C-alpha atoms as a PDB file:
ATOM      1  CA  MET A   1     108.611  57.189 145.966  1.00  0.00           C
ATOM      2  CA  SER A   2     107.511  58.779 142.635  1.00  0.00           C
ATOM      3  CA  ASP A   3     108.233  62.460 143.370  1.00  0.00           C
ATOM      4  CA  LEU A   4     111.992  61.594 144.766  1.00  0.00           C
ATOM      5  CA  ILE A   5     112.649  59.181 141.469  1.00  0.00           C
ATOM      6  CA  ASP A   6     110.923  62.709 139.118  1.00  0.00           C
ATOM      7  CA  LEU A   7     113.894  64.679 141.479  1.00  0.00           C
ATOM      8  CA  LEU A   8     116.174  62.307 140.732  1.00  0.00           C
ATOM      9  CA  ALA A   9     115.120  61.996 136.570  1.00  0.00           C
ATOM     10  CA  ARG A  10     115.212  65.900 136.355  1.00  0.00           C
ATOM     11  CA  LYS A  11     119.362  65.913 137.611  1.00  0.00           C
ATOM     12  CA  GLN A  12     119.483  63.100 134.631  1.00  0.00           C
ATOM     13  CA  LEU A  13     120.606  60.620 137.868  1.00  0.00           C
ATOM     14  CA  VAL A  14     118.242  58.226 136.306  1.00  0.00           C
ATOM     15  CA  TRP A  15     118.930  55.628 133.491  1.00  0.00           C
ATOM     16  CA  LYS A  16     115.844  54.315 131.624  1.00  0.00           C
ATOM     17  CA  GLY A  17     116.163  51.126 129.612  1.00  0.00           C
ATOM     18  CA  HIS A  18     115.156  52.538 126.091  1.00  0.00           C
ATOM     19  CA  GLN A  19     118.129  54.416 126.213  1.00  0.00           C
ATOM     20  CA  THR A  20     121.533  54.312 124.636  1.00  0.00           C
ATOM     21  CA  GLN A  21     124.960  54.802 125.802  1.00  0.00           C
ATOM     22  CA  PRO A  22     126.013  57.413 123.251  1.00  0.00           C
ATOM     23  CA  LYS A  23     129.322  56.022 120.848  1.00  0.00           C
ATOM     24  CA  GLN A  24     132.637  56.782 122.043  1.00  0.00           C
ATOM     25  CA  ASN A  25     135.277  57.676 119.554  1.00  0.00           C
ATOM     26  CA  THR A  26     138.031  55.161 119.245  1.00  0.00           C
ATOM     27  CA  GLN A  27     140.671  54.500 117.285  1.00  0.00           C
ATOM     28  CA  SER A  28     141.567  50.990 116.003  1.00  0.00           C
ATOM     29  CA  CYS A  29     144.131  48.800 118.357  1.00  0.00           C
ATOM     30  CA  GLY A  30     145.001  46.853 114.778  1.00  0.00           C
ATOM     31  CA  TYR A  31     143.704  43.481 115.977  1.00  0.00           C
ATOM     32  CA  PRO A  32     140.516  42.927 114.795  1.00  0.00           C
ATOM     33  CA  ILE A  33     139.299  40.981 117.651  1.00  0.00           C
ATOM     34  CA  LEU A  34     140.233  43.297 120.195  1.00  0.00           C
ATOM     35  CA  ASP A  35     138.548  46.037 118.185  1.00  0.00           C
ATOM     36  CA  GLU A  36     135.050  43.873 118.246  1.00  0.00           C
ATOM     37  CA  LYS A  37     135.375  43.457 121.769  1.00  0.00           C
ATOM     38  CA  LEU A  38     136.133  47.499 122.489  1.00  0.00           C
ATOM     39  CA  ALA A  39     133.228  48.417 119.924  1.00  0.00           C
ATOM     40  CA  GLY A  40     135.974  50.193 117.475  1.00  0.00           C
ATOM     41  CA  GLY A  41     138.963  49.958 119.906  1.00  0.00           C
ATOM     42  CA  PHE A  42     140.997  52.050 122.005  1.00  0.00           C
ATOM     43  CA  PRO A  43     139.364  55.342 123.266  1.00  0.00           C
ATOM     44  CA  ALA A  44     140.910  58.217 121.465  1.00  0.00           C
ATOM     45  CA  THR A  45     140.762  60.574 124.466  1.00  0.00           C
ATOM     46  CA  GLY A  46     141.163  59.035 127.894  1.00  0.00           C
ATOM     47  CA  VAL A  47     143.097  57.103 130.523  1.00  0.00           C
ATOM     48  CA  VAL A  48     143.443  53.286 129.595  1.00  0.00           C
ATOM     49  CA  ASN A  49     144.964  51.198 132.606  1.00  0.00           C
ATOM     50  CA  ILE A  50     146.432  47.915 131.890  1.00  0.00           C
ATOM     51  CA  ARG A  51     147.728  45.730 134.136  1.00  0.00           C
ATOM     52  CA  SER A  52     150.175  43.172 133.266  1.00  0.00           C
ATOM     53  CA  PRO A  53     153.514  41.453 133.904  1.00  0.00           C
ATOM     54  CA  LEU A  54     156.420  42.736 132.514  1.00  0.00           C
ATOM     55  CA  GLY A  55     157.892  41.113 129.345  1.00  0.00           C
ATOM     56  CA  ILE A  56     154.887  39.471 128.210  1.00  0.00           C
ATOM     57  CA  GLY A  57     154.691  41.586 124.859  1.00  0.00           C
ATOM     58  CA  GLU A  58     152.095  44.105 126.885  1.00  0.00           C
ATOM     59  CA  LEU A  59     153.599  46.841 124.566  1.00  0.00           C
ATOM     60  CA  ARG A  60     152.833  45.562 121.813  1.00  0.00           C
ATOM     61  CA  VAL A  61     149.410  45.565 122.020  1.00  0.00           C
ATOM     62  CA  LEU A  62     149.746  49.258 121.127  1.00  0.00           C
ATOM     63  CA  MET A  63     151.568  49.458 118.493  1.00  0.00           C
ATOM     64  CA  GLY A  64     148.268  49.636 115.905  1.00  0.00           C
ATOM     65  CA  THR A  65     147.578  52.871 117.900  1.00  0.00           C
ATOM     66  CA  LEU A  66     150.975  54.149 118.522  1.00  0.00           C
ATOM     67  CA  SER A  67     151.466  54.123 114.828  1.00  0.00           C
ATOM     68  CA  THR A  68     148.666  56.125 113.627  1.00  0.00           C
ATOM     69  CA  GLN A  69     149.764  59.191 116.415  1.00  0.00           C
ATOM     70  CA  SER A  70     151.254  62.238 114.287  1.00  0.00           C
ATOM     71  CA  ARG A  71     152.080  64.090 117.742  1.00  0.00           C
ATOM     72  CA  LEU A  72     154.720  63.240 119.876  1.00  0.00           C
ATOM     73  CA  LEU A  73     154.992  59.887 122.249  1.00  0.00           C
ATOM     74  CA  VAL A  74     155.704  60.448 125.687  1.00  0.00           C
ATOM     75  CA  PHE A  75     157.445  57.209 127.523  1.00  0.00           C
ATOM     76  CA  ILE A  76     157.561  58.071 131.383  1.00  0.00           C
ATOM     77  CA  ASN A  77     159.651  55.946 133.474  1.00  0.00           C
ATOM     78  CA  PRO A  78     159.756  53.068 131.476  1.00  0.00           C
ATOM     79  CA  PRO A  79     161.138  49.214 133.142  1.00  0.00           C
ATOM     80  CA  GLY A  80     163.750  49.242 130.699  1.00  0.00           C
ATOM     81  CA  SER A  81     165.557  50.848 127.905  1.00  0.00           C
ATOM     82  CA  ILE A  82     163.313  52.210 124.824  1.00  0.00           C
ATOM     83  CA  CYS A  83     165.109  50.020 121.754  1.00  0.00           C
ATOM     84  CA  ALA A  84     164.991  52.959 118.840  1.00  0.00           C
ATOM     85  CA  GLU A  85     165.546  50.257 116.251  1.00  0.00           C
ATOM     86  CA  PHE A  86     162.548  48.312 117.205  1.00  0.00           C
ATOM     87  CA  PHE A  87     160.303  51.275 116.508  1.00  0.00           C
ATOM     88  CA  TYR A  88     162.088  52.576 113.983  1.00  0.00           C
ATOM     89  CA  HIS A  89     161.462  49.460 112.027  1.00  0.00           C
ATOM     90  CA  GLN A  90     157.987  49.746 112.888  1.00  0.00           C
ATOM     91  CA  GLY A  91     157.588  52.408 110.690  1.00  0.00           C
ATOM     92  CA  TYR A  92     157.785  55.612 114.093  1.00  0.00           C
ATOM     93  CA  ASP A  93     159.408  59.065 113.488  1.00  0.00           C
ATOM     94  CA  LEU A  94     162.251  59.081 116.135  1.00  0.00           C
ATOM     95  CA  LYS A  95     162.000  62.543 116.570  1.00  0.00           C
ATOM     96  CA  LYS A  96     158.651  62.468 117.833  1.00  0.00           C
ATOM     97  CA  LEU A  97     159.746  59.867 120.702  1.00  0.00           C
ATOM     98  CA  LEU A  98     160.125  61.343 124.313  1.00  0.00           C
ATOM     99  CA  ILE A  99     161.258  59.603 127.204  1.00  0.00           C
ATOM    100  CA  ILE A 100     161.126  61.039 130.553  1.00  0.00           C
ATOM    101  CA  ASN A 101     162.689  59.161 133.638  1.00  0.00           C
ATOM    102  CA  SER A 102     162.318  60.260 137.164  1.00  0.00           C
ATOM    103  CA  ARG A 103     162.845  59.335 140.381  1.00  0.00           C
ATOM    104  CA  ARG A 104     160.004  60.322 142.539  1.00  0.00           C
ATOM    105  CA  LYS A 105     156.548  59.320 142.287  1.00  0.00           C
ATOM    106  CA  ASN A 106     154.747  62.755 141.761  1.00  0.00           C
ATOM    107  CA  GLU A 107     157.468  64.361 139.385  1.00  0.00           C
ATOM    108  CA  ALA A 108     156.455  61.603 137.269  1.00  0.00           C
ATOM    109  CA  LEU A 109     152.348  61.888 137.570  1.00  0.00           C
ATOM    110  CA  TRP A 110     153.092  66.008 137.188  1.00  0.00           C
ATOM    111  CA  ALA A 111     155.163  65.085 134.109  1.00  0.00           C
ATOM    112  CA  ALA A 112     152.472  63.233 132.403  1.00  0.00           C
ATOM    113  CA  GLU A 113     149.621  65.545 133.302  1.00  0.00           C
ATOM    114  CA  GLN A 114     151.605  68.351 131.567  1.00  0.00           C
ATOM    115  CA  CYS A 115     152.628  65.927 128.659  1.00  0.00           C
ATOM    116  CA  LEU A 116     149.011  65.306 128.170  1.00  0.00           C
ATOM    117  CA  LYS A 117     147.195  68.929 128.596  1.00  0.00           C
ATOM    118  CA  SER A 118     149.653  70.172 126.187  1.00  0.00           C
ATOM    119  CA  GLY A 119     148.361  69.309 122.875  1.00  0.00           C
ATOM    120  CA  ALA A 120     151.529  68.326 121.828  1.00  0.00           C
ATOM    121  CA  CYS A 121     151.312  65.051 122.547  1.00  0.00           C
ATOM    122  CA  GLY A 122     149.120  61.784 120.844  1.00  0.00           C
ATOM    123  CA  ALA A 123     149.897  59.571 123.566  1.00  0.00           C
ATOM    124  CA  VAL A 124     151.131  59.507 126.911  1.00  0.00           C
ATOM    125  CA  LEU A 125     152.759  56.295 128.409  1.00  0.00           C
ATOM    126  CA  LEU A 126     153.155  56.134 132.564  1.00  0.00           C
ATOM    127  CA  TRP A 127     155.110  52.710 134.135  1.00  0.00           C
ATOM    128  CA  GLN A 128     153.472  53.601 137.769  1.00  0.00           C
ATOM    129  CA  ASN A 129     150.840  51.843 140.151  1.00  0.00           C
ATOM    130  CA  VAL A 130     148.127  55.021 140.469  1.00  0.00           C
ATOM    131  CA  GLN A 131     145.534  53.778 143.004  1.00  0.00           C
ATOM    132  CA  GLU A 132     144.387  57.443 143.775  1.00  0.00           C
ATOM    133  CA  ILE A 133     140.710  58.478 142.463  1.00  0.00           C
ATOM    134  CA  HIS A 134     141.763  62.591 142.563  1.00  0.00           C
ATOM    135  CA  GLN A 135     144.642  61.980 140.361  1.00  0.00           C
ATOM    136  CA  ILE A 136     143.085  59.760 137.337  1.00  0.00           C
ATOM    137  CA  LYS A 137     140.192  62.261 137.454  1.00  0.00           C
ATOM    138  CA  ARG A 138     143.088  65.056 137.131  1.00  0.00           C
ATOM    139  CA  PHE A 139     144.331  62.707 134.139  1.00  0.00           C
ATOM    140  CA  GLN A 140     141.456  62.549 132.445  1.00  0.00           C
ATOM    141  CA  MET A 141     140.435  66.451 132.501  1.00  0.00           C
ATOM    142  CA  ALA A 142     144.000  66.783 131.089  1.00  0.00           C
ATOM    143  CA  CYS A 143     143.437  64.177 128.643  1.00  0.00           C
ATOM    144  CA  GLU A 144     140.238  66.084 127.573  1.00  0.00           C
ATOM    145  CA  GLU A 145     141.928  69.376 127.611  1.00  0.00           C
ATOM    146  CA  GLY A 146     144.986  68.244 125.164  1.00  0.00           C
ATOM    147  CA  ASP A 147     143.238  65.663 123.247  1.00  0.00           C
ATOM    148  CA  CYS A 148     145.148  63.193 124.150  1.00  0.00           C
ATOM    149  CA  VAL A 149     145.155  59.300 125.384  1.00  0.00           C
ATOM    150  CA  GLN A 150     146.956  58.076 128.498  1.00  0.00           C
ATOM    151  CA  PHE A 151     147.905  54.438 128.938  1.00  0.00           C
ATOM    152  CA  ILE A 152     149.081  53.617 132.586  1.00  0.00           C
ATOM    153  CA  MET A 153     151.183  49.873 132.617  1.00  0.00           C
ATOM    154  CA  SER A 154     150.692  48.751 135.908  1.00  0.00           C
ATOM    155  CA  PRO A 155     151.099  45.773 137.627  1.00  0.00           C
ATOM    156  CA  PRO A 156     148.987  42.785 138.136  1.00  0.00           C
ATOM    157  CA  THR A 157     147.875  43.798 141.227  1.00  0.00           C
ATOM    158  CA  GLN A 158     143.633  43.375 142.601  1.00  0.00           C
ATOM    159  CA  ASN A 159     142.379  46.570 142.116  1.00  0.00           C
ATOM    160  CA  ILE A 160     141.005  47.535 145.304  1.00  0.00           C
ATOM    161  CA  THR A 161     139.229  50.558 144.142  1.00  0.00           C
ATOM    162  CA  SER A 162     137.153  51.313 140.988  1.00  0.00           C
ATOM    163  CA  LEU A 163     139.312  53.662 139.311  1.00  0.00           C
ATOM    164  CA  PRO A 164     137.573  56.162 137.227  1.00  0.00           C
ATOM    165  CA  VAL A 165     139.211  55.064 134.099  1.00  0.00           C
ATOM    166  CA  SER A 166     137.745  54.475 130.214  1.00  0.00           C
ATOM    167  CA  LEU A 167     139.227  51.114 129.958  1.00  0.00           C
ATOM    168  CA  ASN A 168     140.406  48.861 132.661  1.00  0.00           C
ATOM    169  CA  MET A 169     142.576  46.032 130.844  1.00  0.00           C
ATOM    170  CA  GLN A 170     144.420  42.709 132.606  1.00  0.00           C
ATOM    171  CA  LEU A 171     146.983  41.059 130.389  1.00  0.00           C
ATOM    172  CA  THR A 172     148.376  37.291 130.720  1.00  0.00           C
ATOM    173  CA  PRO A 173     150.663  35.146 128.834  1.00  0.00           C
ATOM    174  CA  HIS A 174     148.696  33.057 126.646  1.00  0.00           C
ATOM    175  CA  THR A 175     150.016  30.042 124.253  1.00  0.00           C
ATOM    176  CA  GLN A 176     148.809  32.631 121.147  1.00  0.00           C
ATOM    177  CA  GLY A 177     150.131  35.381 122.072  1.00  0.00           C
ATOM    178  CA  LEU A 178     148.078  37.467 125.166  1.00  0.00           C
ATOM    179  CA  GLY A 179     145.141  36.353 127.237  1.00  0.00           C
ATOM    180  CA  VAL A 180     143.068  39.920 127.489  1.00  0.00           C
ATOM    181  CA  SER A 181     140.212  40.344 130.017  1.00  0.00           C
ATOM    182  CA  ILE A 182     138.962  43.774 130.049  1.00  0.00           C
ATOM    183  CA  THR A 183     137.430  44.770 133.540  1.00  0.00           C
ATOM    184  CA  LYS A 184     135.643  48.172 132.686  1.00  0.00           C
ATOM    185  CA  ARG A 185     134.580  50.156 129.982  1.00  0.00           C
ATOM    186  CA  LYS A 186     133.413  53.226 129.754  1.00  0.00           C
ATOM    187  CA  GLY A 187     129.244  53.028 128.553  1.00  0.00           C
ATOM    188  CA  GLY A 188     130.148  48.921 128.085  1.00  0.00           C
ATOM    189  CA  ARG A 189     129.830  45.760 129.867  1.00  0.00           C
ATOM    190  CA  ALA A 190     133.305  43.459 131.340  1.00  0.00           C
ATOM    191  CA  ILE A 191     134.399  41.301 128.683  1.00  0.00           C
ATOM    192  CA  PRO A 192     136.119  37.307 130.362  1.00  0.00           C
ATOM    193  CA  GLU A 193     139.110  36.635 128.888  1.00  0.00           C
ATOM    194  CA  PHE A 194     139.693  35.988 125.403  1.00  0.00           C
ATOM    195  CA  ALA A 195     142.906  35.116 123.556  1.00  0.00           C
ATOM    196  CA  LEU A 196     144.601  37.866 121.224  1.00  0.00           C
ATOM    197  CA  ASP A 197     146.286  35.923 118.512  1.00  0.00           C
ATOM    198  CA  MET A 198     149.801  37.416 117.676  1.00  0.00           C
ATOM    199  CA  SER A 199     151.358  34.855 115.715  1.00  0.00           C
ATOM    200  CA  ALA A 200     150.688  36.512 112.539  1.00  0.00           C
ATOM    201  CA  ASP A 201     152.907  39.636 113.692  1.00  0.00           C
ATOM    202  CA  TRP A 202     154.868  38.582 116.397  1.00  0.00           C
ATOM    203  CA  PRO A 203     155.145  34.211 116.121  1.00  0.00           C
ATOM    204  CA  ALA A 204     158.013  34.641 119.230  1.00  0.00           C
ATOM    205  CA  LEU A 205     155.607  35.611 121.659  1.00  0.00           C
ATOM    206  CA  CYS A 206     153.352  32.531 120.725  1.00  0.00           C
ATOM    207  CA  CYS A 207     154.305  28.728 122.002  1.00  0.00           C
ATOM    208  CA  GLY A 208     153.910  26.560 118.811  1.00  0.00           C
ATOM    209  CA  LYS A 209     152.993  22.800 119.702  1.00  0.00           C
ATOM    210  CA  ALA A 210     156.134  20.648 120.585  1.00  0.00           C
ATOM    211  CA  ASN A 211     156.689  17.510 118.072  1.00  0.00           C
ATOM    212  CA  ASN A 212     159.875  16.542 120.158  1.00  0.00           C
ATOM    213  CA  VAL A 213     157.994  15.539 123.024  1.00  0.00           C
ATOM    214  CA  ILE A 214     159.199  12.094 124.666  1.00  0.00           C
ATOM    215  CA  HIS A 215     156.928  10.462 127.193  1.00  0.00           C
ATOM    216  CA  PHE A 216     157.794   8.996 130.107  1.00  0.00           C
ATOM    217  CA  PRO A 217     157.824   5.062 130.131  1.00  0.00           C
ATOM    218  CA  THR A 218     154.680   3.420 131.884  1.00  0.00           C
ATOM    219  CA  ALA A 219     154.540   1.666 134.966  1.00  0.00           C
ATOM    220  CA  ARG A 220     153.837  -1.413 132.929  1.00  0.00           C
ATOM    221  CA  HIS A 221     157.583  -0.936 130.906  1.00  0.00           C
ATOM    222  CA  GLN A 222     159.229   0.019 134.120  1.00  0.00           C
ATOM    223  CA  LYS A 223     159.880  -1.195 137.766  1.00  0.00           C
ATOM    224  CA  ILE A 224     159.357   1.670 140.180  1.00  0.00           C
ATOM    225  CA  VAL A 225     161.084   0.926 142.994  1.00  0.00           C
END
């Protein structure tokens, strides 16, 4: 048994308790609590898988990170029209926004990979449910080659396979903004759902306490037939 352990150790396949994971290169999310949970923020390079229903404010989670990019921001197959006015008022240079629409899944995957490894892009957002392990590995290599980060926006279906992504997040609606679950994080542990408060920046995404509730009469005051 000891010979087998020694062999595995020489191949660097054994993790020892006193060893620590190297610190990951990160970029701030723009939300202090999310930066804290992610030990600094989103990965500076690599693949981030975000599972979320459409239209709950999922794109606004990325605004803090995307706003710091000096290179192209690429949107591939977004589910709706990108509002240029919104990005303009957020301080983005519209000349650095590139939108790619493809009718075929393979074409979208190819376009994403080319953008990632081109070196011209700071972030690539792809709306597609990518479940192929080999494809994620290709994306990871392309991210390293182009020093880029990719955000895959996918539906909130159960993850059947453990994909080799740098970060896997699940988003749900929440009265304060969004509920966030970290289901996988490179170099860290999973984190159960916590609230991401967006009330300061995006009050329309939050539900305040209603003050016009009329309580239904009790049986003591109303005869129920």
